[in-house]
Amino acid sequence: MFRPLELFVGLRYTRAKRRNQFISFISSVSIICITISVMALITVMSVMNGFDYQLRSRILGAISDATVSSVGGESLQNWQFAVKAVDGNPHVKGAAPYVEIQTFMQAQRSTGAIVRGIDPSQEPKVSNINQHMVEGSFDTLNSDGWNIILGKDLALQLGVGLGDRVILVVPQVTSNPLTGATPRIRAFTVSGIFEMGMEEFDSGLGLISIGNAEKLKNIAGPTGIRLSLDNLDNARSIAMELADSLGQTYEVTTWMDSHANFFKAIAMEKKVMFIILSLIILVAVINLISMLMMLVTDKQADIAILRTLGSTPRSIMGMFMVQGVLVGVVGIAFGVGLGSLLSWQLPAIVKMIEHLTGVVFLSPDVYYISEVPSKLDAYDVLWVSLVTFAFSLLATLYPAWRASRTQPAQALRYE
């Protein structure tokens, strides 16, 4: 069976003899350090991916990917034409009209909030609030009654539950000779409560039917159209296409205009964490250099004999590079396996630790997300593996070069 000399000797050196047990121990330590470093980097990247995914899905689940509104900010003129125009774009997956109102709510307590008038049959195309109902039903907005669905924290602030009444005060005033200027006031019945897991929406958003919203705001037609796109990263280019097709009387904005900095900060933090933890891998690889240098010193006589038998300096380099790369590959393999397993089970492990210690790592009163998320990405695993392999390969070059420079006469002088 064909087996290159460099591979044969390199693999032979990995098997410890009694007189070089210490070198074998250092080799094992190098494998363990690389394994721990790779496992930590994969786990951290998975957690960062989990946070990015959770925040993106929760935020975009409530605000929509893009919005079409009138330039003047009033009701959308000829909105049926706008809906047909955006539906004709292949990048638009769904469109739904809406009316947005700034209101002041009164019940047992009072607070300000945004009320969004929606079409319950069209809204699931552009948001997933209907999937986050904790009480009541999303379909209650289809009825002719004056019903309202509140965020969970908003309902707690008002001190209301299902069936209770909430007074909505709209700061748009009407005036007549008898009463003068008065705001618009209307009582609504709480027919549902949702929980998005985002304080911004759970404590500041209410939903009513679009017909009731138009009556409450005294307008004919929606104030805008919310869109769902097939590619969030190309939202700006899609918005430019829609703006060109709709004309100058319509304005198209995207999620990037309101939350782009937030997601850019997460992406930047992920890159910084990758760089920092890559330095930890570099520190672990230093053990590999130390192990190979000691091995080269221990094998001086063997190297000299191989040189006298005709081995070239390049062949000697290959023998020691095989062992260094083998240590790196074994460490990468264990690190990827353990890191992937830890990333997969991390949410359950954190919950178990919280249950045993009674310590809540992410309090829902402080953080957007109350659970530690994890999302394993094969692209990140590949990058971590390649970077670690590159470090391991570079770590073998100097010791292998030193081995290739061994002079047989000097090495065998005292043997």
Protein backbone atom coordinates (compact mmCIF):
# COMPACT_ATOMS: atom_id res chain seq x y z
CA MET A 1 0.00 0.00 0.00
CA PHE A 2 1.35 3.41 -0.99
CA ARG A 3 2.14 5.62 2.00
CA PRO A 4 4.34 8.73 1.67
CA LEU A 5 7.39 8.70 3.92
CA GLU A 6 6.52 12.09 5.41
CA LEU A 7 3.05 10.90 6.42
CA PHE A 8 4.33 7.60 7.81
CA VAL A 9 7.05 9.17 9.97
CA GLY A 10 4.83 12.07 11.04
CA LEU A 11 2.11 9.70 12.26
CA ARG A 12 4.74 7.50 13.90
CA TYR A 13 5.99 10.45 15.96
CA THR A 14 2.49 11.02 17.34
CA ARG A 15 2.71 7.71 19.23
CA ALA A 16 4.46 8.36 22.54
CA LYS A 17 7.29 6.24 23.83
CA ARG A 18 8.28 5.96 27.46
CA ARG A 19 11.09 8.48 27.14
CA ASN A 20 8.98 11.25 25.55
CA GLN A 21 5.79 11.04 27.57
CA PHE A 22 6.10 14.74 28.39
CA ILE A 23 5.99 15.68 24.71
CA SER A 24 2.86 13.55 24.34
CA PHE A 25 1.35 15.34 27.33
CA ILE A 26 2.04 18.75 25.74
CA SER A 27 0.48 17.46 22.53
CA SER A 28 -2.66 16.43 24.43
CA VAL A 29 -2.79 19.83 26.13
CA SER A 30 -2.55 21.51 22.70
CA ILE A 31 -5.48 19.43 21.43
CA ILE A 32 -7.55 20.28 24.53
CA CYS A 33 -6.78 24.02 24.24
CA ILE A 34 -7.69 24.10 20.55
CA THR A 35 -10.87 22.13 21.27
CA ILE A 36 -11.98 24.51 24.02
CA SER A 37 -11.17 27.58 21.90
CA VAL A 38 -13.07 26.30 18.86
CA MET A 39 -16.00 25.22 21.04
CA ALA A 40 -16.16 28.65 22.73
CA LEU A 41 -15.98 30.52 19.41
CA ILE A 42 -18.72 28.42 17.79
CA THR A 43 -20.96 28.81 20.86
CA VAL A 44 -20.49 32.59 21.02
CA MET A 45 -21.17 32.95 17.29
CA SER A 46 -24.32 30.85 17.66
CA VAL A 47 -25.56 33.01 20.54
CA MET A 48 -24.91 36.18 18.52
CA ASN A 49 -26.79 34.64 15.57
CA GLY A 50 -29.63 33.74 17.93
CA PHE A 51 -29.91 37.29 19.25
CA ASP A 52 -29.82 38.71 15.73
CA TYR A 53 -32.49 36.27 14.52
CA GLN A 54 -34.78 36.82 17.52
CA LEU A 55 -34.54 40.61 17.39
CA ARG A 56 -34.99 40.68 13.63
CA SER A 57 -38.03 38.40 13.70
CA ARG A 58 -39.66 40.20 16.63
CA ILE A 59 -39.05 43.73 15.37
CA LEU A 60 -39.91 43.01 11.75
CA GLY A 61 -42.87 40.92 12.88
CA ALA A 62 -44.47 44.12 14.11
CA ILE A 63 -43.17 46.99 11.95
CA SER A 64 -43.20 45.35 8.46
CA ASP A 65 -40.33 45.27 5.97
CA ALA A 66 -41.36 48.39 4.06
CA THR A 67 -44.10 51.04 4.18
CA VAL A 68 -45.82 53.10 1.49
CA SER A 69 -47.27 56.41 2.70
CA SER A 70 -48.29 59.76 1.26
CA VAL A 71 -45.71 62.53 1.07
CA GLY A 72 -47.90 64.92 3.08
CA GLY A 73 -48.54 62.42 5.85
CA GLU A 74 -52.34 62.46 5.40
CA SER A 75 -54.54 59.63 4.19
CA LEU A 76 -53.27 57.73 1.17
CA GLN A 77 -55.00 58.92 -1.99
CA ASN A 78 -56.01 56.25 -4.49
CA TRP A 79 -54.62 53.58 -2.20
CA GLN A 80 -56.20 50.76 -4.22
CA PHE A 81 -53.90 51.72 -7.12
CA ALA A 82 -50.91 51.70 -4.78
CA VAL A 83 -51.77 48.21 -3.51
CA LYS A 84 -52.06 46.85 -7.05
CA ALA A 85 -48.79 48.52 -8.04
CA VAL A 86 -46.78 47.07 -5.15
CA ASP A 87 -48.41 43.64 -5.50
CA GLY A 88 -47.18 43.59 -9.08
CA ASN A 89 -43.56 43.75 -7.93
CA PRO A 90 -42.05 40.23 -7.78
CA HIS A 91 -40.12 41.08 -4.60
CA VAL A 92 -43.28 41.94 -2.62
CA LYS A 93 -44.79 38.93 -0.82
CA GLY A 94 -47.75 40.75 0.72
CA ALA A 95 -49.35 44.17 1.25
CA ALA A 96 -51.84 45.41 3.83
CA PRO A 97 -53.33 48.91 4.42
CA TYR A 98 -53.20 50.48 7.86
CA VAL A 99 -54.09 53.60 9.83
CA GLU A 100 -51.76 54.77 12.61
CA ILE A 101 -52.99 57.04 15.40
CA GLN A 102 -51.24 58.59 18.40
CA THR A 103 -53.65 58.20 21.31
CA PHE A 104 -54.04 58.69 25.04
CA MET A 105 -55.66 55.68 26.75
CA GLN A 106 -57.71 55.80 29.95
CA ALA A 107 -58.91 52.91 32.14
CA GLN A 108 -57.98 52.26 35.77
CA ARG A 109 -54.77 54.08 34.87
CA SER A 110 -53.75 56.23 31.90
CA THR A 111 -50.92 56.11 29.38
CA GLY A 112 -50.06 57.10 25.85
CA ALA A 113 -49.78 54.56 23.05
CA ILE A 114 -49.89 54.06 19.31
CA VAL A 115 -53.08 52.53 17.92
CA ARG A 116 -52.87 50.86 14.55
CA GLY A 117 -55.94 50.27 12.47
CA ILE A 118 -55.55 47.07 10.42
CA ASP A 119 -57.46 44.74 8.13
CA PRO A 120 -57.40 41.43 10.06
CA SER A 121 -57.66 39.41 6.85
CA GLN A 122 -54.66 41.15 5.24
CA GLU A 123 -52.44 41.82 8.28
CA PRO A 124 -50.98 38.26 8.54
CA LYS A 125 -49.34 38.86 5.15
CA VAL A 126 -47.05 41.55 6.62
CA SER A 127 -46.75 40.74 10.35
CA ASN A 128 -47.03 37.82 12.75
CA ILE A 129 -48.79 39.49 15.67
CA ASN A 130 -51.68 37.06 15.21
CA GLN A 131 -49.25 34.26 16.17
CA HIS A 132 -48.43 35.91 19.51
CA MET A 133 -51.91 36.14 21.01
CA VAL A 134 -51.91 35.13 24.68
CA GLU A 135 -55.55 35.95 25.41
CA GLY A 136 -58.60 36.47 23.25
CA SER A 137 -58.66 36.14 19.47
CA PHE A 138 -57.17 38.14 16.62
CA ASP A 139 -60.35 37.59 14.59
CA THR A 140 -62.42 39.73 17.00
CA LEU A 141 -61.32 42.76 14.98
CA ASN A 142 -63.48 41.45 12.11
CA SER A 143 -66.66 42.18 14.04
CA ASP A 144 -68.66 45.38 13.75
CA GLY A 145 -68.06 46.23 17.41
CA TRP A 146 -65.50 48.67 18.77
CA ASN A 147 -62.89 46.13 19.87
CA ILE A 148 -59.21 46.63 20.62
CA ILE A 149 -56.25 44.26 21.06
CA LEU A 150 -53.52 45.44 23.43
CA GLY A 151 -49.93 44.49 24.11
CA LYS A 152 -49.52 42.55 27.35
CA ASP A 153 -47.49 45.24 29.15
CA LEU A 154 -49.83 47.97 27.91
CA ALA A 155 -52.81 46.09 29.35
CA LEU A 156 -50.98 45.79 32.68
CA GLN A 157 -50.21 49.50 32.68
CA LEU A 158 -53.88 50.30 32.08
CA GLY A 159 -55.03 47.65 34.58
CA VAL A 160 -57.42 45.99 32.13
CA GLY A 161 -58.16 42.48 30.90
CA LEU A 162 -60.47 40.79 28.43
CA GLY A 163 -63.89 42.39 28.35
CA ASP A 164 -62.81 45.62 30.07
CA ARG A 165 -63.35 49.00 28.47
CA VAL A 166 -60.65 51.44 27.42
CA ILE A 167 -61.23 55.09 26.51
CA LEU A 168 -59.19 56.30 23.54
CA VAL A 169 -58.52 60.03 23.30
CA VAL A 170 -57.24 61.23 19.93
CA PRO A 171 -55.50 64.63 19.99
CA GLN A 172 -57.15 65.60 16.71
CA VAL A 173 -59.72 68.24 17.71
CA THR A 174 -63.11 69.08 16.28
CA SER A 175 -64.89 72.32 16.97
CA ASN A 176 -68.40 73.62 16.79
CA PRO A 177 -70.03 76.87 17.94
CA LEU A 178 -71.54 75.25 21.05
CA THR A 179 -68.72 73.13 22.53
CA GLY A 180 -65.65 74.72 21.00
CA ALA A 181 -62.52 72.62 20.37
CA THR A 182 -62.82 69.06 21.71
CA PRO A 183 -60.67 65.94 21.14
CA ARG A 184 -62.12 62.77 19.67
CA ILE A 185 -63.04 60.25 22.36
CA ARG A 186 -64.26 56.69 21.93
CA ALA A 187 -64.68 53.67 24.22
CA PHE A 188 -63.30 50.30 23.09
CA THR A 189 -63.67 46.79 24.52
CA VAL A 190 -60.52 44.76 25.09
CA SER A 191 -60.99 41.62 22.97
CA GLY A 192 -57.43 40.28 22.92
CA ILE A 193 -53.90 40.59 24.34
CA PHE A 194 -50.67 39.81 22.48
CA GLU A 195 -47.06 39.42 23.62
CA MET A 196 -44.28 39.96 21.07
CA GLY A 197 -41.45 39.77 23.60
CA MET A 198 -40.38 43.33 22.70
CA GLU A 199 -41.05 46.10 25.19
CA GLU A 200 -41.42 48.62 22.36
CA PHE A 201 -44.56 46.87 21.11
CA ASP A 202 -45.89 45.05 24.19
CA SER A 203 -46.13 48.32 26.13
CA GLY A 204 -46.93 50.82 23.39
CA LEU A 205 -49.14 49.28 20.70
CA GLY A 206 -52.84 48.60 20.32
CA LEU A 207 -54.74 47.19 17.33
CA ILE A 208 -58.23 48.07 16.11
CA SER A 209 -60.04 47.44 12.83
CA ILE A 210 -59.14 49.78 9.99
CA GLY A 211 -62.76 50.89 9.62
CA ASN A 212 -62.94 52.01 13.25
CA ALA A 213 -59.58 53.75 12.87
CA GLU A 214 -60.77 55.72 9.86
CA LYS A 215 -63.89 56.82 11.77
CA LEU A 216 -61.86 57.70 14.85
CA LYS A 217 -59.40 59.79 12.86
CA ASN A 218 -62.11 61.13 10.54
CA ILE A 219 -60.36 60.18 7.30
CA ALA A 220 -61.38 58.29 4.18
CA GLY A 221 -58.76 55.65 3.45
CA PRO A 222 -55.62 54.30 5.13
CA THR A 223 -52.57 56.36 6.06
CA GLY A 224 -50.24 53.84 4.48
CA ILE A 225 -49.57 50.32 3.16
CA ARG A 226 -47.30 47.88 4.97
CA LEU A 227 -45.28 45.46 2.83
CA SER A 228 -43.56 42.12 3.26
CA LEU A 229 -40.47 41.60 1.06
CA ASP A 230 -38.71 38.46 -0.12
CA ASN A 231 -35.21 39.78 0.72
CA LEU A 232 -34.67 42.05 3.71
CA ASP A 233 -31.07 42.85 2.78
CA ASN A 234 -32.20 44.35 -0.54
CA ALA A 235 -35.00 46.39 1.03
CA ARG A 236 -33.56 49.74 -0.07
CA SER A 237 -33.16 48.77 -3.72
CA ILE A 238 -36.68 47.30 -3.75
CA ALA A 239 -38.01 50.51 -2.18
CA MET A 240 -36.40 52.55 -4.96
CA GLU A 241 -38.09 50.35 -7.57
CA LEU A 242 -41.46 50.81 -5.86
CA ALA A 243 -40.98 54.57 -5.54
CA ASP A 244 -40.26 54.83 -9.29
CA SER A 245 -43.35 52.82 -10.16
CA LEU A 246 -45.69 54.66 -7.75
CA GLY A 247 -44.69 58.24 -8.55
CA GLN A 248 -43.77 61.29 -6.50
CA THR A 249 -46.99 61.46 -4.47
CA TYR A 250 -45.99 58.33 -2.52
CA GLU A 251 -43.11 57.79 -0.13
CA VAL A 252 -41.53 54.36 0.43
CA THR A 253 -39.55 53.68 3.62
CA THR A 254 -37.97 50.44 4.85
CA TRP A 255 -37.01 48.80 8.12
CA MET A 256 -33.46 49.94 7.47
CA ASP A 257 -34.52 53.55 7.93
CA SER A 258 -35.69 52.97 11.51
CA HIS A 259 -33.69 50.00 12.85
CA ALA A 260 -30.64 49.67 10.59
CA ASN A 261 -28.20 51.00 13.19
CA PHE A 262 -29.49 48.46 15.69
CA PHE A 263 -28.74 45.48 13.45
CA LYS A 264 -25.44 46.98 12.27
CA ALA A 265 -24.37 47.20 15.92
CA ILE A 266 -25.15 43.50 16.39
CA ALA A 267 -23.21 42.59 13.24
CA MET A 268 -20.23 44.68 14.37
CA GLU A 269 -20.31 43.10 17.82
CA LYS A 270 -20.30 39.65 16.22
CA LYS A 271 -17.22 40.53 14.15
CA VAL A 272 -15.41 41.92 17.20
CA MET A 273 -16.20 38.79 19.22
CA PHE A 274 -14.91 36.63 16.36
CA ILE A 275 -11.62 38.56 16.31
CA ILE A 276 -11.19 38.42 20.10
CA LEU A 277 -11.91 34.70 20.35
CA SER A 278 -9.67 34.05 17.35
CA LEU A 279 -6.85 35.47 19.46
CA ILE A 280 -7.71 32.85 22.08
CA ILE A 281 -7.26 30.20 19.39
CA LEU A 282 -3.92 31.81 18.54
CA VAL A 283 -2.85 31.49 22.18
CA ALA A 284 -3.88 27.82 22.14
CA VAL A 285 -1.82 27.26 18.99
CA ILE A 286 1.29 28.59 20.79
CA ASN A 287 1.22 25.35 22.81
CA LEU A 288 1.47 23.53 19.49
CA ILE A 289 4.64 25.48 18.61
CA SER A 290 6.18 24.60 21.98
CA MET A 291 5.34 20.92 21.53
CA LEU A 292 6.86 20.78 18.04
CA MET A 293 10.02 22.60 19.14
CA MET A 294 10.55 20.07 21.95
CA LEU A 295 9.87 17.23 19.50
CA VAL A 296 12.43 18.60 17.05
CA THR A 297 15.02 18.78 19.84
CA ASP A 298 14.19 15.25 20.97
CA LYS A 299 14.40 13.81 17.44
CA GLN A 300 17.72 15.38 16.41
CA ALA A 301 19.40 12.00 16.00
CA ASP A 302 16.47 10.56 14.04
CA ILE A 303 16.47 13.57 11.74
CA ALA A 304 20.23 13.24 11.16
CA ILE A 305 19.88 9.55 10.26
CA LEU A 306 17.05 10.31 7.84
CA ARG A 307 19.17 13.03 6.24
CA THR A 308 22.09 10.62 5.77
CA LEU A 309 19.70 8.13 4.17
CA GLY A 310 18.75 10.72 1.55
CA SER A 311 15.76 12.61 2.97
CA THR A 312 15.58 16.16 1.68
CA PRO A 313 15.00 19.22 3.90
CA ARG A 314 11.53 19.52 2.35
CA SER A 315 10.75 15.93 3.34
CA ILE A 316 11.89 16.60 6.93
CA MET A 317 9.65 19.66 7.07
CA GLY A 318 6.72 17.58 5.86
CA MET A 319 7.21 15.00 8.63
CA PHE A 320 6.87 17.57 11.41
CA MET A 321 4.12 19.52 9.65
CA VAL A 322 2.08 16.32 9.51
CA GLN A 323 2.14 16.00 13.29
CA GLY A 324 1.31 19.68 13.88
CA VAL A 325 -1.55 19.62 11.39
CA LEU A 326 -2.82 16.36 12.89
CA VAL A 327 -3.01 17.95 16.34
CA GLY A 328 -4.86 20.93 14.87
CA VAL A 329 -7.31 18.75 12.91
CA VAL A 330 -8.10 16.59 15.95
CA GLY A 331 -8.64 19.71 18.06
CA ILE A 332 -10.87 21.24 15.37
CA ALA A 333 -12.90 18.02 15.04
CA PHE A 334 -13.55 17.78 18.78
CA GLY A 335 -14.18 21.53 19.03
CA VAL A 336 -16.70 21.57 16.18
CA GLY A 337 -18.52 18.53 17.58
CA LEU A 338 -18.70 19.80 21.16
CA GLY A 339 -19.39 23.39 20.06
CA SER A 340 -22.26 22.33 17.82
CA LEU A 341 -23.73 20.16 20.57
CA LEU A 342 -23.41 22.96 23.14
CA SER A 343 -24.96 25.50 20.76
CA TRP A 344 -27.86 23.14 20.08
CA GLN A 345 -28.57 22.51 23.77
CA LEU A 346 -27.55 25.93 25.16
CA PRO A 347 -31.09 27.31 25.77
CA ALA A 348 -32.02 24.15 27.71
CA ILE A 349 -28.75 24.24 29.67
CA VAL A 350 -29.27 27.90 30.64
CA LYS A 351 -32.83 27.17 31.76
CA MET A 352 -31.59 24.28 33.89
CA ILE A 353 -28.92 26.50 35.50
CA GLU A 354 -31.51 29.21 36.18
CA HIS A 355 -33.81 26.62 37.75
CA LEU A 356 -31.05 25.22 39.98
CA THR A 357 -29.54 28.55 41.06
CA GLY A 358 -32.65 30.75 41.00
CA VAL A 359 -30.70 33.39 39.04
CA VAL A 360 -32.33 34.89 35.93
CA PHE A 361 -29.64 35.78 33.40
CA LEU A 362 -31.87 37.91 31.14
CA SER A 363 -34.61 39.61 33.10
CA PRO A 364 -37.64 40.42 30.92
CA ASP A 365 -37.94 43.76 32.73
CA VAL A 366 -34.55 44.84 31.41
CA TYR A 367 -33.84 43.00 28.16
CA TYR A 368 -35.73 42.66 24.89
CA ILE A 369 -35.20 38.89 24.98
CA SER A 370 -35.70 36.99 28.23
CA GLU A 371 -34.15 33.69 27.04
CA VAL A 372 -30.63 32.98 25.80
CA PRO A 373 -31.09 32.18 22.10
CA SER A 374 -28.78 30.08 19.96
CA LYS A 375 -28.74 29.58 16.19
CA LEU A 376 -25.98 27.40 14.75
CA ASP A 377 -24.79 28.59 11.34
CA ALA A 378 -22.80 26.24 9.10
CA TYR A 379 -21.05 29.25 7.53
CA ASP A 380 -19.67 30.30 10.94
CA VAL A 381 -18.58 26.75 11.71
CA LEU A 382 -16.72 26.62 8.39
CA TRP A 383 -14.98 29.95 9.05
CA VAL A 384 -13.93 28.91 12.57
CA SER A 385 -12.57 25.61 11.24
CA LEU A 386 -10.63 27.31 8.43
CA VAL A 387 -9.15 29.98 10.71
CA THR A 388 -8.07 27.40 13.29
CA PHE A 389 -6.60 25.15 10.61
CA ALA A 390 -4.69 28.11 9.15
CA PHE A 391 -3.28 28.98 12.59
CA SER A 392 -2.29 25.34 13.16
CA LEU A 393 -0.60 25.14 9.76
CA LEU A 394 1.33 28.37 10.33
CA ALA A 395 2.37 27.14 13.79
CA THR A 396 4.14 24.15 12.23
CA LEU A 397 6.25 26.13 9.78
CA TYR A 398 9.00 27.41 12.06
CA PRO A 399 9.58 24.16 14.03
CA ALA A 400 9.52 22.17 10.79
CA TRP A 401 11.98 24.60 9.20
CA ARG A 402 14.28 24.25 12.21
CA ALA A 403 14.11 20.47 11.82
CA SER A 404 15.01 20.71 8.14
CA ARG A 405 18.11 22.79 9.00
CA THR A 406 19.56 20.03 11.20
CA GLN A 407 23.14 19.14 10.25
CA PRO A 408 23.66 15.33 10.42
CA ALA A 409 27.34 15.56 11.48
CA GLN A 410 26.65 17.86 14.40
CA ALA A 411 23.55 15.94 15.55
CA LEU A 412 25.38 12.57 15.52
CA ARG A 413 28.64 13.80 17.04
CA TYR A 414 27.82 12.69 20.58
CA GLU A 415 25.56 9.74 19.74
